[in-house]
Amino acid sequence: MGFLADAALTDRILDHVAAGTTDLSEGVWREPVEHYLAPERLRAEVHGVLRRRFIALCPSAALPDAGSYLARTAAGVPLVATRGRDDQVRVFRNSCRHRGTAVASDSGCATALVCPYHGWVYGLDGALRHVPDEYGFPGLDRASHGLVEVRAVERAGLVFAAQDEPHAGEGALAELPDLVGAGQKLYDHGERILEANWKVLLEGFLEGYHIKATHRQTFFPFGYDNINVIETYGPHSRVTFPFRRIEALREVPRPQRDLDSLVTVVYHLFPNVIVARLSHHTSVVVLEPEAPDRTRMVTYQLAKPSASEAAIRDAKFVEQGTAEDREMARAVQRGLASGANDVLTFGRFEGAIAHLHRQLTALLPAVDGGSR
């Protein structure tokens, strides 16, 4: 079972607006504060979940052409993704087989990856192509000294990689719709370090209960406080945030209703990736934990070339609101460290957050301190 079609989603939103209600989960969820503070919990999340499942590394649009490559650290491991001449995307551990130096940095386009330390050359397929002064390495077997590949698939407009689990299943990924949108191109990307646990940052994307209090001058004038549709699909979820102008659809015949520019749709790809579809652009956000209280946020911005000016304008407005969310996340982390709470309670409005923690609890029973 996938996500609701637009017609059914529109009906649910308009019913909520008319009644002043929102989607409710079956009950509250209680999450131990220690799960946001303990180094052993973070190690379990990284080694037991982030490195063992297919995790979105980047949008497919970040590797647009043969020869495109992108290097970044994922779950603490340096990786490099390439698009070969056969149009196949491959992902490798970004480490030369000679002395371990990274063979690529940032992103670009090349015919081969060349280690900057001693000049060993690797093809886009990871094969070792050239060793300077190879006579100094008698008996070197090039075939066994290519870049170490990790499993990768392209689905839903994204590149996914599974690092440490050779038999990781795709699960619900195989049935996801195109999340990025046809024809969208990458127009910006960046990284920032934030002083908050990765789950605290993620939780801010997954509920609309905070819209009026946190975003009084930014998002709230255009949207609703605490009116959302929350759907789950396997370990993933989707939260829909309607704009006030959606009420104009009441006068539109049901078969002609179009939600474009009337909602923001936030997909949570378990465990640490957000894809937010906005009016004129799409944001892909990957939350990479670096410490219990520190996260590297990697962001990719995409839009159709014809909408680039509108996308940039909208992204600047959205940045005002997301800056407010980031400050709230920092404040939460400081509060967690204060010792005021042993447990955080997520209400029935926050079902997508409960779904996140339920999935983590099921995968990490040995370090679960008790929740529900």
Protein backbone atom coordinates (compact mmCIF):
# COMPACT_ATOMS: atom_id res chain seq x y z
CA MET A 1 0.00 0.00 0.00
CA GLY A 2 1.45 3.35 -1.05
CA PHE A 3 0.54 6.94 -0.27
CA LEU A 4 -2.85 8.57 -0.91
CA ALA A 5 -3.65 9.83 -4.40
CA ASP A 6 -4.20 13.59 -4.70
CA ALA A 7 -7.99 13.34 -4.75
CA ALA A 8 -8.18 11.37 -1.50
CA LEU A 9 -5.46 13.52 0.09
CA THR A 10 -7.38 16.69 -0.83
CA ASP A 11 -10.58 15.30 0.68
CA ARG A 12 -8.85 14.51 3.95
CA ILE A 13 -7.23 17.94 4.17
CA LEU A 14 -10.46 19.82 3.44
CA ASP A 15 -12.32 17.72 6.01
CA HIS A 16 -9.69 18.61 8.61
CA VAL A 17 -9.83 22.31 7.73
CA ALA A 18 -13.63 22.36 8.01
CA ALA A 19 -13.62 20.53 11.34
CA GLY A 20 -10.49 22.11 12.83
CA THR A 21 -8.98 18.64 13.28
CA THR A 22 -5.85 16.80 12.23
CA ASP A 23 -4.63 13.23 11.81
CA LEU A 24 -4.17 11.45 15.14
CA SER A 25 -2.03 8.44 15.95
CA GLU A 26 -3.34 5.64 18.17
CA GLY A 27 -1.47 6.79 21.25
CA VAL A 28 1.41 8.79 22.65
CA TRP A 29 5.05 7.69 22.39
CA ARG A 30 7.59 8.06 25.16
CA GLU A 31 11.26 8.18 24.15
CA PRO A 32 14.07 8.04 26.72
CA VAL A 33 16.14 11.22 26.77
CA GLU A 34 19.24 9.04 27.05
CA HIS A 35 18.68 8.04 23.42
CA TYR A 36 19.62 11.60 22.43
CA LEU A 37 22.67 11.83 24.70
CA ALA A 38 24.39 8.46 25.03
CA PRO A 39 27.41 7.73 22.79
CA GLU A 40 26.62 4.00 22.88
CA ARG A 41 23.13 4.68 21.53
CA LEU A 42 24.55 6.72 18.66
CA ARG A 43 27.07 3.98 17.85
CA ALA A 44 24.24 1.47 17.70
CA GLU A 45 22.21 3.72 15.40
CA VAL A 46 25.16 4.27 13.05
CA HIS A 47 26.50 0.71 12.97
CA GLY A 48 23.20 -1.10 13.39
CA VAL A 49 20.97 1.00 11.13
CA LEU A 50 22.63 3.73 9.04
CA ARG A 51 25.37 1.46 7.66
CA ARG A 52 23.18 -1.60 7.21
CA ARG A 53 20.23 -0.23 5.24
CA PHE A 54 19.80 1.46 1.88
CA ILE A 55 20.16 5.15 2.72
CA ALA A 56 19.71 7.99 0.22
CA LEU A 57 23.14 9.40 -0.58
CA CYS A 58 22.16 12.14 -3.05
CA PRO A 59 19.62 12.95 -5.77
CA SER A 60 20.20 11.25 -9.12
CA ALA A 61 20.38 14.78 -10.54
CA ALA A 62 23.64 15.28 -8.62
CA LEU A 63 25.16 12.78 -11.09
CA PRO A 64 23.64 14.07 -14.33
CA ASP A 65 26.14 12.84 -16.94
CA ALA A 66 28.59 10.05 -17.65
CA GLY A 67 31.72 10.91 -15.69
CA SER A 68 29.85 12.73 -12.93
CA TYR A 69 31.07 11.99 -9.43
CA LEU A 70 30.14 13.10 -5.92
CA ALA A 71 32.14 12.49 -2.75
CA ARG A 72 30.91 12.87 0.80
CA THR A 73 30.97 11.16 4.16
CA ALA A 74 27.94 9.04 5.02
CA ALA A 75 27.50 7.47 8.48
CA GLY A 76 31.12 8.35 9.18
CA VAL A 77 32.46 6.60 6.07
CA PRO A 78 33.96 8.46 3.06
CA LEU A 79 32.13 7.41 -0.10
CA VAL A 80 32.27 8.43 -3.75
CA ALA A 81 29.44 7.91 -6.23
CA THR A 82 30.06 7.86 -9.99
CA ARG A 83 27.97 7.62 -13.13
CA GLY A 84 29.75 5.44 -15.68
CA ARG A 85 29.69 5.55 -19.45
CA ASP A 86 27.01 2.85 -19.26
CA ASP A 87 24.83 5.34 -17.27
CA GLN A 88 25.14 3.07 -14.23
CA VAL A 89 25.59 4.68 -10.83
CA ARG A 90 28.13 2.99 -8.58
CA VAL A 91 29.24 3.83 -5.06
CA PHE A 92 32.69 3.07 -3.62
CA ARG A 93 34.57 3.57 -0.41
CA ASN A 94 36.55 6.70 -1.12
CA SER A 95 39.95 5.24 -0.31
CA CYS A 96 42.91 4.47 -2.57
CA ARG A 97 43.97 0.82 -2.40
CA HIS A 98 47.62 1.89 -2.08
CA ARG A 99 47.78 4.06 1.04
CA GLY A 100 44.14 4.94 1.71
CA THR A 101 43.95 8.54 0.52
CA ALA A 102 40.58 9.77 -0.78
CA VAL A 103 40.54 9.58 -4.58
CA ALA A 104 37.86 12.27 -5.00
CA SER A 105 36.56 15.35 -3.20
CA ASP A 106 33.43 17.45 -3.60
CA SER A 107 31.83 16.82 -7.01
CA GLY A 108 32.58 17.21 -10.69
CA CYS A 109 33.00 15.35 -13.94
CA ALA A 110 36.04 13.28 -14.97
CA THR A 111 37.07 10.35 -17.11
CA ALA A 112 38.82 8.68 -14.16
CA LEU A 113 39.50 9.12 -10.44
CA VAL A 114 43.14 9.86 -9.65
CA CYS A 115 44.61 9.56 -6.17
CA PRO A 116 46.27 12.90 -5.35
CA TYR A 117 48.99 11.26 -3.24
CA HIS A 118 50.77 8.88 -5.64
CA GLY A 119 48.69 9.10 -8.80
CA TRP A 120 47.03 5.69 -8.89
CA VAL A 121 44.21 5.86 -11.45
CA TYR A 122 40.78 4.25 -11.16
CA GLY A 123 38.06 4.00 -13.79
CA LEU A 124 34.53 5.17 -13.15
CA ASP A 125 33.73 1.49 -12.61
CA GLY A 126 36.25 1.39 -9.76
CA ALA A 127 38.81 -0.73 -11.60
CA LEU A 128 42.50 0.06 -11.05
CA ARG A 129 43.65 1.34 -14.46
CA HIS A 130 47.17 2.66 -13.92
CA VAL A 131 49.94 2.54 -11.31
CA PRO A 132 52.89 4.92 -11.85
CA ASP A 133 56.18 3.00 -11.89
CA GLU A 134 54.31 -0.24 -11.47
CA TYR A 135 57.59 -2.20 -11.53
CA GLY A 136 57.98 -1.18 -7.87
CA PHE A 137 55.02 -3.40 -6.96
CA PRO A 138 56.02 -6.84 -8.28
CA GLY A 139 53.11 -9.25 -8.42
CA LEU A 140 50.47 -6.54 -7.95
CA ASP A 141 47.09 -7.94 -8.99
CA ARG A 142 45.17 -4.97 -10.39
CA ALA A 143 41.92 -6.95 -10.49
CA SER A 144 41.90 -7.28 -6.69
CA HIS A 145 42.99 -3.68 -6.04
CA GLY A 146 40.07 -1.73 -7.47
CA LEU A 147 38.02 0.62 -5.32
CA VAL A 148 35.85 -1.24 -2.83
CA GLU A 149 32.25 -1.06 -4.04
CA VAL A 150 29.18 -0.86 -1.84
CA ARG A 151 25.69 -1.79 -2.98
CA ALA A 152 23.85 1.05 -4.71
CA VAL A 153 20.49 1.48 -6.44
CA GLU A 154 18.66 4.37 -8.08
CA ARG A 155 15.05 4.67 -7.01
CA ALA A 156 12.51 7.49 -6.88
CA GLY A 157 14.99 10.06 -8.26
CA LEU A 158 17.61 9.29 -5.60
CA VAL A 159 20.80 7.26 -5.24
CA PHE A 160 20.73 4.83 -2.31
CA ALA A 161 23.72 2.98 -0.83
CA ALA A 162 23.93 0.13 1.69
CA GLN A 163 27.42 0.08 3.19
CA ASP A 164 27.86 -2.89 5.51
CA GLU A 165 25.06 -5.27 4.63
CA PRO A 166 25.68 -7.25 1.41
CA HIS A 167 22.16 -8.67 1.48
CA ALA A 168 20.22 -5.53 2.43
CA GLY A 169 16.77 -5.56 0.93
CA GLU A 170 15.20 -2.62 -0.86
CA GLY A 171 11.93 -3.10 1.00
CA ALA A 172 9.47 -0.28 0.39
CA LEU A 173 12.01 1.63 -1.74
CA ALA A 174 11.03 -0.40 -4.78
CA GLU A 175 7.48 0.96 -4.67
CA LEU A 176 8.19 4.63 -3.92
CA PRO A 177 6.97 7.19 -6.48
CA ASP A 178 9.37 9.65 -8.08
CA LEU A 179 10.05 11.89 -5.12
CA VAL A 180 12.13 14.56 -6.85
CA GLY A 181 9.95 15.28 -9.87
CA ALA A 182 10.66 14.80 -13.54
CA GLY A 183 12.95 17.36 -15.17
CA GLN A 184 14.31 18.86 -11.96
CA LYS A 185 17.99 19.79 -11.94
CA LEU A 186 20.36 20.37 -9.05
CA TYR A 187 20.95 24.11 -8.62
CA ASP A 188 22.52 24.28 -5.16
CA HIS A 189 23.93 22.09 -2.41
CA GLY A 190 25.71 22.65 0.88
CA GLU A 191 26.54 21.37 4.35
CA ARG A 192 26.38 22.84 7.84
CA ILE A 193 27.21 21.55 11.32
CA LEU A 194 24.44 21.86 13.93
CA GLU A 195 24.73 21.36 17.68
CA ALA A 196 21.85 18.90 18.05
CA ASN A 197 21.18 15.20 17.86
CA TRP A 198 20.19 14.03 14.38
CA LYS A 199 16.81 12.80 15.62
CA VAL A 200 15.98 16.17 17.21
CA LEU A 201 16.56 17.84 13.83
CA LEU A 202 14.55 15.18 12.02
CA GLU A 203 11.60 15.52 14.38
CA GLY A 204 11.20 19.18 13.42
CA PHE A 205 10.27 18.15 9.89
CA LEU A 206 7.61 15.64 10.96
CA GLU A 207 4.88 17.61 12.73
CA GLY A 208 2.87 20.78 12.32
CA TYR A 209 2.05 21.21 16.00
CA HIS A 210 4.75 23.90 16.28
CA ILE A 211 3.83 26.03 13.26
CA LYS A 212 2.10 28.91 15.04
CA ALA A 213 4.46 29.11 18.02
CA THR A 214 7.73 28.75 16.10
CA HIS A 215 6.87 30.25 12.71
CA ARG A 216 4.43 33.01 13.61
CA GLN A 217 5.86 35.49 11.04
CA THR A 218 7.08 33.01 8.41
CA PHE A 219 5.07 29.85 7.71
CA PHE A 220 1.99 30.42 9.86
CA PRO A 221 0.49 33.32 7.88
CA PHE A 222 0.34 31.02 4.83
CA GLY A 223 -0.47 27.71 6.49
CA TYR A 224 -2.31 26.13 9.39
CA ASP A 225 -1.25 25.33 12.89
CA ASN A 226 -1.54 21.61 13.66
CA ILE A 227 -3.40 20.47 10.54
CA ASN A 228 -1.56 17.65 8.79
CA VAL A 229 -2.13 14.39 6.98
CA ILE A 230 0.29 11.72 8.20
CA GLU A 231 0.86 8.51 6.25
CA THR A 232 3.29 5.65 6.77
CA TYR A 233 4.66 3.26 4.18
CA GLY A 234 6.92 0.52 5.50
CA PRO A 235 9.50 2.31 7.66
CA HIS A 236 8.96 5.57 5.76
CA SER A 237 6.36 8.29 6.22
CA ARG A 238 4.81 11.30 4.50
CA VAL A 239 3.52 14.43 6.21
CA THR A 240 1.44 16.91 4.21
CA PHE A 241 1.34 20.58 5.26
CA PRO A 242 -1.52 22.44 3.50
CA PHE A 243 -1.50 26.14 2.65
CA ARG A 244 -4.55 28.23 3.49
CA ARG A 245 -5.25 28.78 -0.19
CA ILE A 246 -6.20 25.09 -0.53
CA GLU A 247 -9.72 26.05 0.52
CA ALA A 248 -10.28 27.41 -2.99
CA LEU A 249 -10.48 23.77 -4.12
CA ARG A 250 -13.88 23.41 -2.47
CA GLU A 251 -15.33 25.16 -5.52
CA VAL A 252 -13.42 22.98 -7.99
CA PRO A 253 -14.99 19.72 -9.24
CA ARG A 254 -13.26 16.80 -7.55
CA PRO A 255 -11.75 15.29 -10.74
CA GLN A 256 -10.14 18.66 -11.57
CA ARG A 257 -8.50 19.31 -8.20
CA ASP A 258 -4.73 19.79 -8.34
CA LEU A 259 -2.60 20.10 -5.20
CA ASP A 260 0.36 21.67 -6.98
CA SER A 261 1.48 24.79 -5.03
CA LEU A 262 -1.20 24.20 -2.41
CA VAL A 263 0.72 21.91 -0.05
CA THR A 264 4.22 21.14 1.12
CA VAL A 265 4.80 17.41 1.16
CA VAL A 266 7.55 16.05 3.40
CA TYR A 267 8.73 12.48 2.80
CA HIS A 268 10.76 10.86 5.55
CA LEU A 269 12.95 8.12 4.10
CA PHE A 270 13.92 6.10 7.13
CA PRO A 271 16.07 6.67 8.96
CA ASN A 272 17.79 10.01 8.27
CA VAL A 273 16.64 11.54 4.96
CA ILE A 274 13.95 14.14 4.22
CA VAL A 275 12.60 14.98 0.77
CA ALA A 276 10.45 18.13 0.88
CA ARG A 277 8.37 18.95 -2.21
CA LEU A 278 7.53 22.66 -2.22
CA SER A 279 5.79 24.97 -4.67
CA HIS A 280 8.71 25.51 -7.04
CA HIS A 281 11.56 23.38 -5.75
CA THR A 282 12.50 20.20 -3.95
CA SER A 283 14.89 19.92 -1.02
CA VAL A 284 16.71 16.71 -0.16
CA VAL A 285 18.14 16.81 3.37
CA VAL A 286 20.45 14.13 4.79
CA LEU A 287 21.17 14.25 8.52
CA GLU A 288 24.58 12.73 9.23
CA PRO A 289 25.25 12.18 12.96
CA GLU A 290 28.77 13.06 14.08
CA ALA A 291 28.24 12.99 17.87
CA PRO A 292 25.23 12.69 20.17
CA ASP A 293 24.95 16.48 20.14
CA ARG A 294 26.34 17.27 16.69
CA THR A 295 24.94 16.64 13.20
CA ARG A 296 26.12 17.47 9.72
CA MET A 297 23.14 18.57 7.60
CA VAL A 298 23.67 17.95 3.88
CA THR A 299 21.17 19.73 1.63
CA TYR A 300 20.49 19.46 -2.09
CA GLN A 301 18.16 21.95 -3.83
CA LEU A 302 16.48 21.04 -7.12
CA ALA A 303 14.07 22.72 -9.52
CA LYS A 304 13.04 22.70 -13.14
CA PRO A 305 15.24 25.10 -15.16
CA SER A 306 12.16 27.09 -16.16
CA ALA A 307 11.34 27.66 -12.48
CA SER A 308 14.82 28.50 -11.26
CA GLU A 309 14.07 32.14 -10.32
CA ALA A 310 10.88 31.19 -8.48
CA ALA A 311 12.71 28.30 -6.81
CA ILE A 312 15.47 30.56 -5.53
CA ARG A 313 12.91 33.08 -4.25
CA ASP A 314 10.91 30.35 -2.50
CA ALA A 315 14.04 28.73 -1.07
CA LYS A 316 15.10 32.03 0.49
CA PHE A 317 11.71 32.33 2.17
CA VAL A 318 11.79 28.72 3.36
CA GLU A 319 15.28 29.27 4.76
CA GLN A 320 13.84 31.85 7.16
CA GLY A 321 11.56 29.20 8.61
CA THR A 322 14.11 26.41 8.64
CA ALA A 323 16.53 28.71 10.48
CA GLU A 324 13.86 28.99 13.18
CA ASP A 325 13.61 25.19 13.27
CA ARG A 326 17.37 24.85 13.62
CA GLU A 327 17.40 27.24 16.56
CA MET A 328 14.60 25.24 18.20
CA ALA A 329 16.62 22.05 17.70
CA ARG A 330 19.64 23.62 19.41
CA ALA A 331 17.40 24.72 22.27
CA VAL A 332 15.94 21.22 22.59
CA GLN A 333 19.41 19.70 22.76
CA ARG A 334 20.47 22.12 25.48
CA GLY A 335 17.30 21.26 27.38
CA LEU A 336 17.89 17.54 27.07
CA ALA A 337 21.36 17.97 28.56
CA SER A 338 19.92 19.90 31.52
CA GLY A 339 18.53 16.78 33.20
CA ALA A 340 15.01 18.18 33.46
CA ASN A 341 13.44 15.23 31.64
CA ASP A 342 14.07 11.49 31.65
CA VAL A 343 11.55 10.85 28.88
CA LEU A 344 10.11 12.89 26.01
CA THR A 345 6.40 12.43 25.34
CA PHE A 346 5.18 12.75 21.75
CA GLY A 347 1.46 13.36 21.44
CA ARG A 348 -1.10 11.95 19.03
CA PHE A 349 -0.45 14.89 16.66
CA GLU A 350 3.13 13.62 16.25
CA GLY A 351 2.53 10.19 14.77
CA ALA A 352 5.29 10.40 12.17
CA ILE A 353 7.81 10.95 14.96
CA ALA A 354 6.44 7.96 16.85
CA HIS A 355 6.79 5.92 13.66
CA LEU A 356 10.48 6.88 13.42
CA HIS A 357 11.19 5.82 16.99
CA ARG A 358 9.14 2.65 16.65
CA GLN A 359 11.28 1.59 13.69
CA LEU A 360 14.53 2.35 15.53
CA THR A 361 13.34 0.52 18.64
CA ALA A 362 12.52 -2.58 16.59
CA LEU A 363 15.98 -2.57 15.01
CA LEU A 364 17.92 -1.77 18.20
CA PRO A 365 16.28 -3.80 20.97
CA ALA A 366 19.56 -4.35 22.81
CA VAL A 367 19.99 -0.64 23.54
CA ASP A 368 16.33 0.31 23.90
CA GLY A 369 15.76 1.76 27.34
CA GLY A 370 12.03 1.20 27.21
CA SER A 371 9.49 3.42 25.45
CA ARG A 372 5.97 3.43 24.11
